[in-house]
């Protein structure tokens, strides 16, 4: 699997690994049913902590991109979630939270623009 991390960048190892796996799943480089390395093996291959790989796997599994089948391993999921549906779900949660805090649409969008660097 063509994934690497840069220990000398401002992006965290978690962010680097998560985005690379997500990108490869989204663009079809990792197809449904592809078996991923074990947490320990992947961590050793990349020179990162097992906690980092386990955290990435948990996040991708929670979003429906991978599935763990017990002792059989971790695989790219056949679930229907896509990056866009995950993002829409996050946007819905953000909008609900903004309303709870009493923010109007313009102010809430301002925070999103800031987060996106615009």
PDB file of N, CA and C in Angstrom:
ATOM      1  N   UNK A   1       0.855  -1.168   0.000  1.00  0.00           N
ATOM      2  CA  UNK A   1       0.000   0.000   0.000  1.00  0.00           C
ATOM      3  C   UNK A   1       0.902   1.233   0.000  1.00  0.00           C
ATOM      4  N   UNK A   2       0.626   2.146  -0.875  1.00  0.00           N
ATOM      5  CA  UNK A   2       1.457   3.331  -1.071  1.00  0.00           C
ATOM      6  C   UNK A   2       1.026   4.457  -0.141  1.00  0.00           C
ATOM      7  N   UNK A   3       1.367   4.322   1.154  1.00  0.00           N
ATOM      8  CA  UNK A   3       1.030   5.340   2.139  1.00  0.00           C
ATOM      9  C   UNK A   3       2.291   5.628   2.938  1.00  0.00           C
ATOM     10  N   UNK A   4       2.528   6.903   3.159  1.00  0.00           N
ATOM     11  CA  UNK A   4       3.700   7.288   3.943  1.00  0.00           C
ATOM     12  C   UNK A   4       3.334   8.489   4.811  1.00  0.00           C
ATOM     13  N   UNK A   5       4.147   8.735   5.816  1.00  0.00           N
ATOM     14  CA  UNK A   5       3.935   9.889   6.679  1.00  0.00           C
ATOM     15  C   UNK A   5       5.220  10.694   6.746  1.00  0.00           C
ATOM     16  N   UNK A   6       5.047  11.983   6.965  1.00  0.00           N
ATOM     17  CA  UNK A   6       6.179  12.894   7.094  1.00  0.00           C
ATOM     18  C   UNK A   6       6.211  13.362   8.546  1.00  0.00           C
ATOM     19  N   UNK A   7       7.256  12.952   9.261  1.00  0.00           N
ATOM     20  CA  UNK A   7       7.377  13.300  10.678  1.00  0.00           C
ATOM     21  C   UNK A   7       7.793  14.759  10.879  1.00  0.00           C
ATOM     22  N   UNK A   8       8.090  15.478   9.801  1.00  0.00           N
ATOM     23  CA  UNK A   8       8.610  16.843   9.911  1.00  0.00           C
ATOM     24  C   UNK A   8       7.681  17.871   9.283  1.00  0.00           C
ATOM     25  N   UNK A   9       6.386  17.627   9.316  1.00  0.00           N
ATOM     26  CA  UNK A   9       5.413  18.568   8.767  1.00  0.00           C
ATOM     27  C   UNK A   9       4.487  19.035   9.886  1.00  0.00           C
ATOM     28  N   UNK A  10       3.732  20.076   9.611  1.00  0.00           N
ATOM     29  CA  UNK A  10       2.821  20.595  10.631  1.00  0.00           C
ATOM     30  C   UNK A  10       1.570  19.729  10.788  1.00  0.00           C
ATOM     31  N   UNK A  11       1.260  18.913   9.790  1.00  0.00           N
ATOM     32  CA  UNK A  11       0.104  18.009   9.892  1.00  0.00           C
ATOM     33  C   UNK A  11       0.438  16.872  10.839  1.00  0.00           C
ATOM     34  N   UNK A  12      -0.519  16.523  11.683  1.00  0.00           N
ATOM     35  CA  UNK A  12      -0.278  15.419  12.607  1.00  0.00           C
ATOM     36  C   UNK A  12      -0.197  14.105  11.843  1.00  0.00           C
ATOM     37  N   UNK A  13       0.420  13.119  12.446  1.00  0.00           N
ATOM     38  CA  UNK A  13       0.513  11.795  11.830  1.00  0.00           C
ATOM     39  C   UNK A  13      -0.882  11.223  11.615  1.00  0.00           C
ATOM     40  N   UNK A  14      -1.777  11.462  12.586  1.00  0.00           N
ATOM     41  CA  UNK A  14      -3.166  11.027  12.446  1.00  0.00           C
ATOM     42  C   UNK A  14      -3.807  11.638  11.202  1.00  0.00           C
ATOM     43  N   UNK A  15      -3.689  12.957  11.043  1.00  0.00           N
ATOM     44  CA  UNK A  15      -4.286  13.644   9.891  1.00  0.00           C
ATOM     45  C   UNK A  15      -3.724  13.109   8.576  1.00  0.00           C
ATOM     46  N   UNK A  16      -2.418  12.906   8.526  1.00  0.00           N
ATOM     47  CA  UNK A  16      -1.787  12.415   7.306  1.00  0.00           C
ATOM     48  C   UNK A  16      -2.305  11.028   6.941  1.00  0.00           C
ATOM     49  N   UNK A  17      -2.332  10.136   7.910  1.00  0.00           N
ATOM     50  CA  UNK A  17      -2.757   8.765   7.658  1.00  0.00           C
ATOM     51  C   UNK A  17      -4.243   8.705   7.314  1.00  0.00           C
ATOM     52  N   UNK A  18      -5.046   9.426   8.071  1.00  0.00           N
ATOM     53  CA  UNK A  18      -6.487   9.436   7.830  1.00  0.00           C
ATOM     54  C   UNK A  18      -6.799   9.951   6.426  1.00  0.00           C
ATOM     55  N   UNK A  19      -6.201  11.073   6.051  1.00  0.00           N
ATOM     56  CA  UNK A  19      -6.517  11.663   4.745  1.00  0.00           C
ATOM     57  C   UNK A  19      -6.026  10.777   3.592  1.00  0.00           C
ATOM     58  N   UNK A  20      -4.869  10.146   3.760  1.00  0.00           N
ATOM     59  CA  UNK A  20      -4.362   9.289   2.687  1.00  0.00           C
ATOM     60  C   UNK A  20      -5.223   8.036   2.510  1.00  0.00           C
ATOM     61  N   UNK A  21      -5.630   7.426   3.607  1.00  0.00           N
ATOM     62  CA  UNK A  21      -6.497   6.251   3.491  1.00  0.00           C
ATOM     63  C   UNK A  21      -7.849   6.634   2.895  1.00  0.00           C
ATOM     64  N   UNK A  22      -8.414   7.724   3.384  1.00  0.00           N
ATOM     65  CA  UNK A  22      -9.712   8.174   2.874  1.00  0.00           C
ATOM     66  C   UNK A  22      -9.631   8.491   1.386  1.00  0.00           C
ATOM     67  N   UNK A  23      -8.570   9.157   0.972  1.00  0.00           N
ATOM     68  CA  UNK A  23      -8.391   9.494  -0.438  1.00  0.00           C
ATOM     69  C   UNK A  23      -8.295   8.232  -1.300  1.00  0.00           C
ATOM     70  N   UNK A  24      -7.551   7.242  -0.842  1.00  0.00           N
ATOM     71  CA  UNK A  24      -7.377   6.015  -1.621  1.00  0.00           C
ATOM     72  C   UNK A  24      -8.663   5.192  -1.691  1.00  0.00           C
ATOM     73  N   UNK A  25      -9.460   5.254  -0.641  1.00  0.00           N
ATOM     74  CA  UNK A  25     -10.758   4.576  -0.678  1.00  0.00           C
ATOM     75  C   UNK A  25     -11.689   5.313  -1.632  1.00  0.00           C
ATOM     76  N   UNK A  26     -11.719   6.646  -1.534  1.00  0.00           N
ATOM     77  CA  UNK A  26     -12.615   7.452  -2.367  1.00  0.00           C
ATOM     78  C   UNK A  26     -12.281   7.362  -3.848  1.00  0.00           C
ATOM     79  N   UNK A  27     -10.977   7.314  -4.184  1.00  0.00           N
ATOM     80  CA  UNK A  27     -10.621   7.285  -5.606  1.00  0.00           C
ATOM     81  C   UNK A  27     -10.516   5.878  -6.176  1.00  0.00           C
ATOM     82  N   UNK A  28     -10.805   4.869  -5.356  1.00  0.00           N
ATOM     83  CA  UNK A  28     -10.826   3.502  -5.854  1.00  0.00           C
ATOM     84  C   UNK A  28      -9.484   2.791  -5.833  1.00  0.00           C
ATOM     85  N   UNK A  29      -8.458   3.446  -5.332  1.00  0.00           N
ATOM     86  CA  UNK A  29      -7.158   2.774  -5.226  1.00  0.00           C
ATOM     87  C   UNK A  29      -7.237   1.625  -4.218  1.00  0.00           C
ATOM     88  N   UNK A  30      -8.071   1.797  -3.202  1.00  0.00           N
ATOM     89  CA  UNK A  30      -8.374   0.715  -2.261  1.00  0.00           C
ATOM     90  C   UNK A  30      -9.832   0.338  -2.497  1.00  0.00           C
ATOM     91  N   UNK A  31     -10.054  -0.793  -3.125  1.00  0.00           N
ATOM     92  CA  UNK A  31     -11.415  -1.181  -3.498  1.00  0.00           C
ATOM     93  C   UNK A  31     -12.093  -1.945  -2.360  1.00  0.00           C
ATOM     94  N   UNK A  32     -13.393  -2.050  -2.459  1.00  0.00           N
ATOM     95  CA  UNK A  32     -14.192  -2.779  -1.479  1.00  0.00           C
ATOM     96  C   UNK A  32     -13.618  -4.184  -1.318  1.00  0.00           C
ATOM     97  N   UNK A  33     -13.454  -4.581  -0.077  1.00  0.00           N
ATOM     98  CA  UNK A  33     -12.946  -5.910   0.216  1.00  0.00           C
ATOM     99  C   UNK A  33     -11.444  -5.986   0.410  1.00  0.00           C
ATOM    100  N   UNK A  34     -10.732  -4.899   0.113  1.00  0.00           N
ATOM    101  CA  UNK A  34      -9.282  -4.893   0.308  1.00  0.00           C
ATOM    102  C   UNK A  34      -8.984  -5.052   1.795  1.00  0.00           C
ATOM    103  N   UNK A  35      -8.118  -6.003   2.121  1.00  0.00           N
ATOM    104  CA  UNK A  35      -7.726  -6.207   3.514  1.00  0.00           C
ATOM    105  C   UNK A  35      -6.612  -5.230   3.856  1.00  0.00           C
ATOM    106  N   UNK A  36      -6.796  -4.499   4.944  1.00  0.00           N
ATOM    107  CA  UNK A  36      -5.800  -3.545   5.408  1.00  0.00           C
ATOM    108  C   UNK A  36      -4.825  -4.246   6.353  1.00  0.00           C
ATOM    109  N   UNK A  37      -3.627  -3.697   6.482  1.00  0.00           N
ATOM    110  CA  UNK A  37      -2.668  -4.293   7.410  1.00  0.00           C
ATOM    111  C   UNK A  37      -3.188  -4.236   8.844  1.00  0.00           C
ATOM    112  N   UNK A  38      -2.689  -5.124   9.688  1.00  0.00           N
ATOM    113  CA  UNK A  38      -3.054  -5.042  11.103  1.00  0.00           C
ATOM    114  C   UNK A  38      -2.551  -3.721  11.657  1.00  0.00           C
ATOM    115  N   UNK A  39      -3.132  -3.310  12.752  1.00  0.00           N
ATOM    116  CA  UNK A  39      -2.725  -2.055  13.394  1.00  0.00           C
ATOM    117  C   UNK A  39      -1.231  -2.098  13.703  1.00  0.00           C
ATOM    118  N   UNK A  40      -0.786  -3.178  14.291  1.00  0.00           N
ATOM    119  CA  UNK A  40       0.636  -3.284  14.675  1.00  0.00           C
ATOM    120  C   UNK A  40       1.554  -3.269  13.467  1.00  0.00           C
ATOM    121  N   UNK A  41       1.185  -4.018  12.424  1.00  0.00           N
ATOM    122  CA  UNK A  41       2.032  -4.070  11.237  1.00  0.00           C
ATOM    123  C   UNK A  41       2.102  -2.723  10.544  1.00  0.00           C
ATOM    124  N   UNK A  42       0.940  -2.073  10.404  1.00  0.00           N
ATOM    125  CA  UNK A  42       0.887  -0.774   9.729  1.00  0.00           C
ATOM    126  C   UNK A  42       1.696   0.265  10.515  1.00  0.00           C
ATOM    127  N   UNK A  43       1.545   0.245  11.835  1.00  0.00           N
ATOM    128  CA  UNK A  43       2.285   1.184  12.677  1.00  0.00           C
ATOM    129  C   UNK A  43       3.788   0.957  12.535  1.00  0.00           C
ATOM    130  N   UNK A  44       4.196  -0.298  12.534  1.00  0.00           N
ATOM    131  CA  UNK A  44       5.627  -0.612  12.388  1.00  0.00           C
ATOM    132  C   UNK A  44       6.133  -0.185  11.021  1.00  0.00           C
ATOM    133  N   UNK A  45       5.351  -0.443   9.974  1.00  0.00           N
ATOM    134  CA  UNK A  45       5.759  -0.067   8.611  1.00  0.00           C
ATOM    135  C   UNK A  45       5.941   1.440   8.470  1.00  0.00           C
ATOM    136  N   UNK A  46       5.075   2.213   9.130  1.00  0.00           N
ATOM    137  CA  UNK A  46       5.102   3.668   9.008  1.00  0.00           C
ATOM    138  C   UNK A  46       5.967   4.354  10.060  1.00  0.00           C
ATOM    139  N   UNK A  47       6.339   3.615  11.085  1.00  0.00           N
ATOM    140  CA  UNK A  47       7.117   4.216  12.158  1.00  0.00           C
ATOM    141  C   UNK A  47       6.297   5.148  13.030  1.00  0.00           C
ATOM    142  N   UNK A  48       5.043   4.759  13.278  1.00  0.00           N
ATOM    143  CA  UNK A  48       4.153   5.547  14.123  1.00  0.00           C
ATOM    144  C   UNK A  48       3.645   4.668  15.267  1.00  0.00           C
ATOM    145  N   UNK A  49       3.026   5.284  16.242  1.00  0.00           N
ATOM    146  CA  UNK A  49       2.473   4.549  17.378  1.00  0.00           C
ATOM    147  C   UNK A  49       1.257   3.737  16.952  1.00  0.00           C
ATOM    148  N   UNK A  50       1.097   2.572  17.561  1.00  0.00           N
ATOM    149  CA  UNK A  50      -0.079   1.751  17.256  1.00  0.00           C
ATOM    150  C   UNK A  50      -1.364   2.506  17.582  1.00  0.00           C
ATOM    151  N   UNK A  51      -1.323   3.352  18.611  1.00  0.00           N
ATOM    152  CA  UNK A  51      -2.490   4.150  18.975  1.00  0.00           C
ATOM    153  C   UNK A  51      -2.945   5.017  17.803  1.00  0.00           C
ATOM    154  N   UNK A  52      -2.001   5.581  17.062  1.00  0.00           N
ATOM    155  CA  UNK A  52      -2.344   6.452  15.931  1.00  0.00           C
ATOM    156  C   UNK A  52      -3.095   5.673  14.865  1.00  0.00           C
ATOM    157  N   UNK A  53      -2.580   4.513  14.495  1.00  0.00           N
ATOM    158  CA  UNK A  53      -3.242   3.691  13.473  1.00  0.00           C
ATOM    159  C   UNK A  53      -4.595   3.224  13.982  1.00  0.00           C
ATOM    160  N   UNK A  54      -4.668   2.779  15.224  1.00  0.00           N
ATOM    161  CA  UNK A  54      -5.938   2.312  15.783  1.00  0.00           C
ATOM    162  C   UNK A  54      -6.976   3.433  15.783  1.00  0.00           C
ATOM    163  N   UNK A  55      -6.547   4.633  16.109  1.00  0.00           N
ATOM    164  CA  UNK A  55      -7.463   5.794  16.120  1.00  0.00           C
ATOM    165  C   UNK A  55      -7.978   6.096  14.712  1.00  0.00           C
ATOM    166  N   UNK A  56      -7.100   6.028  13.721  1.00  0.00           N
ATOM    167  CA  UNK A  56      -7.508   6.250  12.330  1.00  0.00           C
ATOM    168  C   UNK A  56      -8.498   5.167  11.901  1.00  0.00           C
ATOM    169  N   UNK A  57      -8.184   3.920  12.191  1.00  0.00           N
ATOM    170  CA  UNK A  57      -9.085   2.825  11.834  1.00  0.00           C
ATOM    171  C   UNK A  57     -10.455   3.012  12.489  1.00  0.00           C
ATOM    172  N   UNK A  58     -10.478   3.397  13.768  1.00  0.00           N
ATOM    173  CA  UNK A  58     -11.766   3.610  14.456  1.00  0.00           C
ATOM    174  C   UNK A  58     -12.576   4.719  13.789  1.00  0.00           C
ATOM    175  N   UNK A  59     -11.914   5.806  13.419  1.00  0.00           N
ATOM    176  CA  UNK A  59     -12.612   6.926  12.780  1.00  0.00           C
ATOM    177  C   UNK A  59     -13.167   6.514  11.417  1.00  0.00           C
ATOM    178  N   UNK A  60     -12.371   5.813  10.640  1.00  0.00           N
ATOM    179  CA  UNK A  60     -12.831   5.376   9.319  1.00  0.00           C
ATOM    180  C   UNK A  60     -13.955   4.345   9.442  1.00  0.00           C
ATOM    181  N   UNK A  61     -13.881   3.515  10.462  1.00  0.00           N
ATOM    182  CA  UNK A  61     -14.946   2.543  10.679  1.00  0.00           C
ATOM    183  C   UNK A  61     -16.233   3.245  11.109  1.00  0.00           C
ATOM    184  N   UNK A  62     -16.118   4.236  11.985  1.00  0.00           N
ATOM    185  CA  UNK A  62     -17.297   4.984  12.447  1.00  0.00           C
ATOM    186  C   UNK A  62     -17.994   5.687  11.286  1.00  0.00           C
ATOM    187  N   UNK A  63     -17.220   6.107  10.288  1.00  0.00           N
ATOM    188  CA  UNK A  63     -17.787   6.788   9.125  1.00  0.00           C
ATOM    189  C   UNK A  63     -18.202   5.824   8.012  1.00  0.00           C
ATOM    190  N   UNK A  64     -18.006   4.518   8.226  1.00  0.00           N
ATOM    191  CA  UNK A  64     -18.486   3.520   7.272  1.00  0.00           C
ATOM    192  C   UNK A  64     -17.537   3.197   6.136  1.00  0.00           C
ATOM    193  N   UNK A  65     -16.291   3.634   6.205  1.00  0.00           N
ATOM    194  CA  UNK A  65     -15.358   3.383   5.115  1.00  0.00           C
ATOM    195  C   UNK A  65     -14.621   2.059   5.242  1.00  0.00           C
ATOM    196  N   UNK A  66     -14.437   1.590   6.473  1.00  0.00           N
ATOM    197  CA  UNK A  66     -13.801   0.296   6.680  1.00  0.00           C
ATOM    198  C   UNK A  66     -14.619  -0.475   7.706  1.00  0.00           C
ATOM    199  N   UNK A  67     -14.383  -1.776   7.774  1.00  0.00           N
ATOM    200  CA  UNK A  67     -15.066  -2.603   8.771  1.00  0.00           C
ATOM    201  C   UNK A  67     -14.071  -3.608   9.338  1.00  0.00           C
ATOM    202  N   UNK A  68     -14.219  -3.868  10.621  1.00  0.00           N
ATOM    203  CA  UNK A  68     -13.371  -4.843  11.288  1.00  0.00           C
ATOM    204  C   UNK A  68     -14.170  -6.121  11.447  1.00  0.00           C
ATOM    205  N   UNK A  69     -13.558  -7.212  11.046  1.00  0.00           N
ATOM    206  CA  UNK A  69     -14.222  -8.511  11.121  1.00  0.00           C
ATOM    207  C   UNK A  69     -13.504  -9.405  12.135  1.00  0.00           C
ATOM    208  N   UNK A  70     -13.356  -8.872  13.323  1.00  0.00           N
ATOM    209  CA  UNK A  70     -12.728  -9.639  14.399  1.00  0.00           C
ATOM    210  C   UNK A  70     -11.334 -10.105  14.032  1.00  0.00           C
ATOM    211  N   UNK A  71     -11.059 -11.378  14.254  1.00  0.00           N
ATOM    212  CA  UNK A  71      -9.735 -11.941  13.979  1.00  0.00           C
ATOM    213  C   UNK A  71      -9.431 -12.048  12.491  1.00  0.00           C
ATOM    214  N   UNK A  72     -10.447 -11.874  11.664  1.00  0.00           N
ATOM    215  CA  UNK A  72     -10.224 -11.947  10.213  1.00  0.00           C
ATOM    216  C   UNK A  72      -9.552 -10.707   9.656  1.00  0.00           C
ATOM    217  N   UNK A  73      -9.606  -9.598  10.387  1.00  0.00           N
ATOM    218  CA  UNK A  73      -8.919  -8.386   9.953  1.00  0.00           C
ATOM    219  C   UNK A  73      -9.832  -7.218   9.675  1.00  0.00           C
ATOM    220  N   UNK A  74      -9.241  -6.208   9.078  1.00  0.00           N
ATOM    221  CA  UNK A  74      -9.933  -4.962   8.753  1.00  0.00           C
ATOM    222  C   UNK A  74      -9.955  -4.802   7.241  1.00  0.00           C
ATOM    223  N   UNK A  75     -11.113  -4.453   6.692  1.00  0.00           N
ATOM    224  CA  UNK A  75     -11.320  -4.414   5.251  1.00  0.00           C
ATOM    225  C   UNK A  75     -11.993  -3.109   4.827  1.00  0.00           C
ATOM    226  N   UNK A  76     -11.755  -2.721   3.578  1.00  0.00           N
ATOM    227  CA  UNK A  76     -12.491  -1.604   3.006  1.00  0.00           C
ATOM    228  C   UNK A  76     -13.947  -2.041   2.916  1.00  0.00           C
ATOM    229  N   UNK A  77     -14.820  -1.215   3.414  1.00  0.00           N
ATOM    230  CA  UNK A  77     -16.229  -1.556   3.562  1.00  0.00           C
ATOM    231  C   UNK A  77     -17.005  -1.445   2.260  1.00  0.00           C
ATOM    232  N   UNK A  78     -18.056  -2.242   2.207  1.00  0.00           N
ATOM    233  CA  UNK A  78     -18.970  -2.145   1.075  1.00  0.00           C
ATOM    234  C   UNK A  78     -20.134  -1.228   1.405  1.00  0.00           C
ATOM    235  N   UNK A  79     -20.043  -0.523   2.544  1.00  0.00           N
ATOM    236  CA  UNK A  79     -21.092   0.409   2.953  1.00  0.00           C
ATOM    237  C   UNK A  79     -21.306   1.488   1.913  1.00  0.00           C
ATOM    238  N   UNK A  80     -22.435   2.136   1.998  1.00  0.00           N
ATOM    239  CA  UNK A  80     -22.797   3.139   0.999  1.00  0.00           C
ATOM    240  C   UNK A  80     -22.352   4.544   1.377  1.00  0.00           C
ATOM    241  N   UNK A  81     -21.765   4.715   2.562  1.00  0.00           N
ATOM    242  CA  UNK A  81     -21.318   6.051   2.950  1.00  0.00           C
ATOM    243  C   UNK A  81     -20.235   6.549   2.003  1.00  0.00           C
ATOM    244  N   UNK A  82     -20.329   7.792   1.653  1.00  0.00           N
ATOM    245  CA  UNK A  82     -19.301   8.427   0.839  1.00  0.00           C
ATOM    246  C   UNK A  82     -18.767   9.619   1.602  1.00  0.00           C
ATOM    247  N   UNK A  83     -17.705  10.182   1.106  1.00  0.00           N
ATOM    248  CA  UNK A  83     -17.147  11.369   1.754  1.00  0.00           C
ATOM    249  C   UNK A  83     -18.197  12.463   1.850  1.00  0.00           C
ATOM    250  N   UNK A  84     -18.981  12.620   0.820  1.00  0.00           N
ATOM    251  CA  UNK A  84     -19.999  13.678   0.816  1.00  0.00           C
ATOM    252  C   UNK A  84     -21.093  13.427   1.854  1.00  0.00           C
ATOM    253  N   UNK A  85     -21.517  12.173   1.998  1.00  0.00           N
ATOM    254  CA  UNK A  85     -22.565  11.904   2.983  1.00  0.00           C
ATOM    255  C   UNK A  85     -22.034  12.081   4.396  1.00  0.00           C
ATOM    256  N   UNK A  86     -20.773  11.724   4.630  1.00  0.00           N
ATOM    257  CA  UNK A  86     -20.157  11.940   5.939  1.00  0.00           C
ATOM    258  C   UNK A  86     -20.076  13.436   6.229  1.00  0.00           C
ATOM    259  N   UNK A  87     -19.670  14.212   5.230  1.00  0.00           N
ATOM    260  CA  UNK A  87     -19.565  15.650   5.405  1.00  0.00           C
ATOM    261  C   UNK A  87     -20.944  16.277   5.623  1.00  0.00           C
ATOM    262  N   UNK A  88     -21.954  15.796   4.912  1.00  0.00           N
ATOM    263  CA  UNK A  88     -23.306  16.323   5.101  1.00  0.00           C
ATOM    264  C   UNK A  88     -23.795  16.053   6.514  1.00  0.00           C
ATOM    265  N   UNK A  89     -23.516  14.864   7.022  1.00  0.00           N
ATOM    266  CA  UNK A  89     -23.912  14.521   8.386  1.00  0.00           C
ATOM    267  C   UNK A  89     -23.227  15.459   9.385  1.00  0.00           C
ATOM    268  N   UNK A  90     -21.924  15.718   9.168  1.00  0.00           N
ATOM    269  CA  UNK A  90     -21.190  16.633  10.049  1.00  0.00           C
ATOM    270  C   UNK A  90     -21.755  18.047   9.957  1.00  0.00           C
ATOM    271  N   UNK A  91     -22.127  18.475   8.754  1.00  0.00           N
ATOM    272  CA  UNK A  91     -22.699  19.807   8.567  1.00  0.00           C
ATOM    273  C   UNK A  91     -24.040  19.921   9.291  1.00  0.00           C
ATOM    274  N   UNK A  92     -24.844  18.876   9.220  1.00  0.00           N
ATOM    275  CA  UNK A  92     -26.127  18.882   9.924  1.00  0.00           C
ATOM    276  C   UNK A  92     -25.931  18.998  11.427  1.00  0.00           C
ATOM    277  N   UNK A  93     -24.944  18.256  11.945  1.00  0.00           N
ATOM    278  CA  UNK A  93     -24.653  18.324  13.376  1.00  0.00           C
ATOM    279  C   UNK A  93     -24.155  19.715  13.757  1.00  0.00           C
ATOM    280  N   UNK A  94     -23.298  20.298  12.914  1.00  0.00           N
ATOM    281  CA  UNK A  94     -22.777  21.639  13.172  1.00  0.00           C
ATOM    282  C   UNK A  94     -23.914  22.665  13.167  1.00  0.00           C
ATOM    283  N   UNK A  95     -24.797  22.567  12.187  1.00  0.00           N
ATOM    284  CA  UNK A  95     -25.907  23.519  12.090  1.00  0.00           C
ATOM    285  C   UNK A  95     -26.809  23.419  13.317  1.00  0.00           C
ATOM    286  N   UNK A  96     -27.077  22.203  13.761  1.00  0.00           N
ATOM    287  CA  UNK A  96     -27.911  22.028  14.952  1.00  0.00           C
ATOM    288  C   UNK A  96     -27.234  22.630  16.178  1.00  0.00           C
ATOM    289  N   UNK A  97     -25.950  22.413  16.316  1.00  0.00           N
ATOM    290  CA  UNK A  97     -25.201  22.967  17.453  1.00  0.00           C
ATOM    291  C   UNK A  97     -25.162  24.491  17.388  1.00  0.00           C
ATOM    292  N   UNK A  98     -24.977  25.050  16.187  1.00  0.00           N
ATOM    293  CA  UNK A  98     -24.962  26.508  16.031  1.00  0.00           C
ATOM    294  C   UNK A  98     -26.301  27.100  16.459  1.00  0.00           C
ATOM    295  N   UNK A  99     -27.395  26.453  16.070  1.00  0.00           N
ATOM    296  CA  UNK A  99     -28.720  26.930  16.481  1.00  0.00           C
ATOM    297  C   UNK A  99     -28.879  26.857  17.995  1.00  0.00           C
ATOM    298  N   UNK A 100     -28.400  25.759  18.615  1.00  0.00           N
ATOM    299  CA  UNK A 100     -28.473  25.618  20.073  1.00  0.00           C
ATOM    300  C   UNK A 100     -27.744  26.758  20.782  1.00  0.00           C
ATOM    301  N   UNK A 101     -26.649  27.208  20.185  1.00  0.00           N
ATOM    302  CA  UNK A 101     -25.842  28.278  20.771  1.00  0.00           C
ATOM    303  C   UNK A 101     -26.359  29.662  20.418  1.00  0.00           C
ATOM    304  N   UNK A 102     -27.410  29.696  19.604  1.00  0.00           N
ATOM    305  CA  UNK A 102     -28.018  30.972  19.258  1.00  0.00           C
ATOM    306  C   UNK A 102     -27.321  31.729  18.137  1.00  0.00           C
ATOM    307  N   UNK A 103     -26.514  31.043  17.349  1.00  0.00           N
ATOM    308  CA  UNK A 103     -25.824  31.695  16.232  1.00  0.00           C
ATOM    309  C   UNK A 103     -26.740  31.759  15.019  1.00  0.00           C
ATOM    310  N   UNK A 104     -26.680  32.873  14.311  1.00  0.00           N
ATOM    311  CA  UNK A 104     -27.407  32.994  13.058  1.00  0.00           C
ATOM    312  C   UNK A 104     -26.612  32.357  11.925  1.00  0.00           C
ATOM    313  N   UNK A 105     -27.242  32.175  10.780  1.00  0.00           N
ATOM    314  CA  UNK A 105     -26.572  31.528   9.646  1.00  0.00           C
ATOM    315  C   UNK A 105     -25.282  32.226   9.217  1.00  0.00           C
ATOM    316  N   UNK A 106     -25.288  33.554   9.167  1.00  0.00           N
ATOM    317  CA  UNK A 106     -24.091  34.267   8.715  1.00  0.00           C
ATOM    318  C   UNK A 106     -22.924  34.070   9.673  1.00  0.00           C
ATOM    319  N   UNK A 107     -23.223  34.125  10.962  1.00  0.00           N
ATOM    320  CA  UNK A 107     -22.150  33.945  11.950  1.00  0.00           C
ATOM    321  C   UNK A 107     -21.631  32.506  11.928  1.00  0.00           C
ATOM    322  N   UNK A 108     -22.527  31.540  11.822  1.00  0.00           N
ATOM    323  CA  UNK A 108     -22.116  30.133  11.765  1.00  0.00           C
ATOM    324  C   UNK A 108     -21.265  29.868  10.523  1.00  0.00           C
ATOM    325  N   UNK A 109     -21.669  30.433   9.389  1.00  0.00           N
ATOM    326  CA  UNK A 109     -20.884  30.266   8.152  1.00  0.00           C
ATOM    327  C   UNK A 109     -19.529  30.952   8.260  1.00  0.00           C
ATOM    328  N   UNK A 110     -19.470  32.033   9.025  1.00  0.00           N
ATOM    329  CA  UNK A 110     -18.194  32.711   9.238  1.00  0.00           C
ATOM    330  C   UNK A 110     -17.180  31.789   9.904  1.00  0.00           C
ATOM    331  N   UNK A 111     -17.637  30.996  10.866  1.00  0.00           N
ATOM    332  CA  UNK A 111     -16.740  30.050  11.520  1.00  0.00           C
ATOM    333  C   UNK A 111     -16.270  28.976  10.537  1.00  0.00           C
ATOM    334  N   UNK A 112     -17.156  28.543   9.678  1.00  0.00           N
ATOM    335  CA  UNK A 112     -16.779  27.533   8.676  1.00  0.00           C
ATOM    336  C   UNK A 112     -15.754  28.122   7.718  1.00  0.00           C
ATOM    337  N   UNK A 113     -15.982  29.358   7.266  1.00  0.00           N
ATOM    338  CA  UNK A 113     -15.021  30.002   6.357  1.00  0.00           C
ATOM    339  C   UNK A 113     -13.660  30.132   7.016  1.00  0.00           C
ATOM    340  N   UNK A 114     -13.651  30.494   8.281  1.00  0.00           N
ATOM    341  CA  UNK A 114     -12.375  30.610   9.000  1.00  0.00           C
ATOM    342  C   UNK A 114     -11.686  29.249   9.068  1.00  0.00           C
ATOM    343  N   UNK A 115     -12.446  28.211   9.370  1.00  0.00           N
ATOM    344  CA  UNK A 115     -11.879  26.871   9.454  1.00  0.00           C
ATOM    345  C   UNK A 115     -11.325  26.398   8.108  1.00  0.00           C
ATOM    346  N   UNK A 116     -11.957  26.831   7.039  1.00  0.00           N
ATOM    347  CA  UNK A 116     -11.498  26.458   5.698  1.00  0.00           C
ATOM    348  C   UNK A 116     -10.370  27.355   5.196  1.00  0.00           C
ATOM    349  N   UNK A 117     -10.038  28.361   5.985  1.00  0.00           N
ATOM    350  CA  UNK A 117      -8.947  29.255   5.609  1.00  0.00           C
ATOM    351  C   UNK A 117      -9.331  30.300   4.573  1.00  0.00           C
ATOM    352  N   UNK A 118     -10.595  30.690   4.563  1.00  0.00           N
ATOM    353  CA  UNK A 118     -11.060  31.679   3.591  1.00  0.00           C
ATOM    354  C   UNK A 118     -11.299  33.008   4.254  1.00  0.00           C
TER     355      UNK A 118
END
